[in-house]
Amino acid sequence: MTRMDRIAEGSETVIFVGDYIDRGPESRQVLTWLYELNQAYPEKAHCLMGNHERMMLDFIDDPVGRGEIWLRNGGLETLASFGVTLSRAEADTEVAVGVANALEAALPAGMLAWLRDLPLVWSSGNVHCTHAAMSPRRAPEEQ
């Protein structure tokens, strides 16, 4: 039985809290699995935005101006998992623009829009999940 089968058969809600990429050579596989899981079971599998997904989106949107920080924090490995390469020396050059376009083209259909729409918080009753810390001094809906 696969992980997806176990989630499909169970009654639990599963929350993934971000940083699906930049943690090793299988970023593409992780994103693809989560995307397909969320598409198949949108009421059971919820994915939240992490700072690494945000950095990747910033790289796609402004590779020369905002991409270098992502590349220093696992972005090169994530690019490689999508079959795209860039050296650190090229990170703040116009070469990065072509690489950002290549990454965008390498993402499966629909994945970029899905990534852009990932929420920061998931809540149910008095349970609140987020990638980063929440302040206990402020109501969850105010954060």
Protein backbone atom coordinates (compact mmCIF):
# COMPACT_ATOMS: atom_id res chain seq x y z
CA MET A 1 0.00 0.00 0.00
CA THR A 2 1.41 3.40 -0.97
CA ARG A 3 1.41 6.50 1.19
CA MET A 4 -1.23 8.01 -1.06
CA ASP A 5 -3.44 4.93 -0.61
CA ARG A 6 -3.12 5.18 3.17
CA ILE A 7 -4.17 8.83 3.09
CA ALA A 8 -7.05 8.06 0.75
CA GLU A 9 -8.35 5.26 2.97
CA GLY A 10 -7.94 7.10 6.25
CA SER A 11 -10.31 9.61 7.77
CA GLU A 12 -7.54 11.90 8.99
CA THR A 13 -6.63 15.28 7.59
CA VAL A 14 -2.95 15.59 6.74
CA ILE A 15 -1.20 18.95 6.93
CA PHE A 16 2.20 19.51 5.31
CA VAL A 17 3.92 22.60 6.70
CA GLY A 18 6.29 23.74 3.97
CA ASP A 19 9.92 23.53 2.96
CA TYR A 20 9.25 20.75 0.49
CA ILE A 21 12.27 21.78 -1.58
CA ASP A 22 15.93 22.60 -0.98
CA ARG A 23 16.40 19.65 1.39
CA GLY A 24 18.18 17.26 -0.95
CA PRO A 25 18.27 15.93 -4.48
CA GLU A 26 14.61 14.85 -4.69
CA SER A 27 12.82 18.20 -4.52
CA ARG A 28 11.04 17.58 -7.82
CA GLN A 29 9.72 14.22 -6.61
CA VAL A 30 8.53 15.70 -3.31
CA LEU A 31 6.73 18.62 -4.98
CA THR A 32 5.17 16.36 -7.59
CA TRP A 33 3.93 13.89 -4.98
CA LEU A 34 2.44 16.64 -2.80
CA TYR A 35 0.86 18.39 -5.78
CA GLU A 36 -0.74 15.17 -7.03
CA LEU A 37 -1.88 14.23 -3.52
CA ASN A 38 -3.44 17.64 -2.95
CA GLN A 39 -5.16 17.54 -6.34
CA ALA A 40 -6.54 14.05 -5.69
CA TYR A 41 -7.62 14.69 -2.07
CA PRO A 42 -8.05 18.44 -1.57
CA GLU A 43 -10.17 17.96 1.56
CA LYS A 44 -7.71 15.56 3.21
CA ALA A 45 -4.25 16.78 2.19
CA HIS A 46 -3.35 20.41 2.83
CA CYS A 47 -0.02 21.96 1.92
CA LEU A 48 1.22 25.22 3.44
CA MET A 49 3.75 27.67 2.06
CA GLY A 50 7.24 27.49 3.52
CA ASN A 51 9.98 30.06 3.21
CA HIS A 52 11.87 27.88 0.71
CA GLU A 53 8.86 27.73 -1.63
CA ARG A 54 8.58 31.52 -1.26
CA MET A 55 12.28 31.93 -2.13
CA MET A 56 11.86 29.75 -5.23
CA LEU A 57 8.89 31.85 -6.37
CA ASP A 58 10.94 35.01 -5.76
CA PHE A 59 13.70 33.51 -7.92
CA ILE A 60 11.23 32.83 -10.73
CA ASP A 61 9.83 36.36 -10.47
CA ASP A 62 13.14 38.25 -10.06
CA PRO A 63 16.10 35.92 -10.58
CA VAL A 64 18.79 38.58 -10.69
CA GLY A 65 17.49 40.73 -7.84
CA ARG A 66 16.15 38.13 -5.43
CA GLY A 67 17.42 34.76 -6.55
CA GLU A 68 20.85 34.58 -4.96
CA ILE A 69 19.56 33.96 -1.44
CA TRP A 70 17.55 30.94 -2.64
CA LEU A 71 20.50 29.58 -4.57
CA ARG A 72 22.64 29.78 -1.40
CA ASN A 73 19.98 27.92 0.59
CA GLY A 74 19.38 24.80 -1.47
CA GLY A 75 18.11 26.28 -4.71
CA LEU A 76 20.93 24.86 -6.79
CA GLU A 77 20.00 21.34 -5.69
CA THR A 78 16.32 21.99 -6.38
CA LEU A 79 17.17 23.30 -9.86
CA ALA A 80 19.22 20.16 -10.50
CA SER A 81 16.29 17.96 -9.48
CA PHE A 82 14.32 19.63 -12.30
CA GLY A 83 17.18 19.10 -14.76
CA VAL A 84 18.22 22.76 -14.71
CA THR A 85 21.72 23.94 -13.75
CA LEU A 86 23.23 27.22 -12.67
CA SER A 87 26.48 27.97 -10.93
CA ARG A 88 26.77 30.25 -7.91
CA ALA A 89 28.99 32.51 -9.99
CA GLU A 90 26.10 33.05 -12.43
CA ALA A 91 23.50 33.67 -9.73
CA ASP A 92 23.34 37.45 -10.06
CA THR A 93 23.80 37.62 -13.82
CA GLU A 94 21.42 37.61 -16.75
CA VAL A 95 22.09 33.87 -17.06
CA ALA A 96 19.82 33.47 -14.05
CA VAL A 97 16.88 34.87 -16.06
CA GLY A 98 17.14 32.02 -18.56
CA VAL A 99 17.49 29.53 -15.73
CA ALA A 100 14.37 30.89 -14.00
CA ASN A 101 12.48 30.52 -17.28
CA ALA A 102 13.79 26.97 -17.67
CA LEU A 103 12.67 26.11 -14.14
CA GLU A 104 9.22 27.52 -14.78
CA ALA A 105 8.99 25.45 -17.98
CA ALA A 106 10.14 22.32 -16.13
CA LEU A 107 7.38 22.55 -13.52
CA PRO A 108 4.46 20.22 -14.28
CA ALA A 109 1.34 21.90 -15.65
CA GLY A 110 -0.56 23.67 -12.91
CA MET A 111 2.17 23.40 -10.29
CA LEU A 112 3.32 27.03 -10.42
CA ALA A 113 -0.20 28.35 -9.83
CA TRP A 114 -0.63 25.79 -7.02
CA LEU A 115 2.63 26.94 -5.38
CA ARG A 116 1.60 30.59 -5.62
CA ASP A 117 -1.72 29.79 -3.96
CA LEU A 118 -0.34 27.79 -1.02
CA PRO A 119 -1.80 29.21 2.19
CA LEU A 120 0.29 30.32 5.15
CA VAL A 121 -2.07 28.87 7.76
CA TRP A 122 -4.51 25.98 8.05
CA SER A 123 -7.08 26.06 10.85
CA SER A 124 -9.82 23.80 12.11
CA GLY A 125 -11.54 24.67 15.34
CA ASN A 126 -8.82 25.49 17.84
CA VAL A 127 -6.06 23.80 15.83
CA HIS A 128 -3.85 26.13 13.79
CA CYS A 129 -0.94 24.96 11.64
CA THR A 130 1.68 27.16 10.03
CA HIS A 131 5.20 26.81 8.70
CA ALA A 132 6.63 29.36 11.08
CA ALA A 133 5.80 30.35 14.61
CA MET A 134 2.56 31.96 15.65
CA SER A 135 2.39 34.41 18.51
CA PRO A 136 0.33 33.19 21.47
CA ARG A 137 -0.42 36.86 22.23
CA ARG A 138 -2.45 37.43 19.06
CA ALA A 139 -5.50 35.65 17.74
CA PRO A 140 -4.67 33.27 14.86
CA GLU A 141 -6.89 35.16 12.42
CA GLU A 142 -4.85 38.34 13.11
CA GLN A 143 -1.57 36.76 12.04
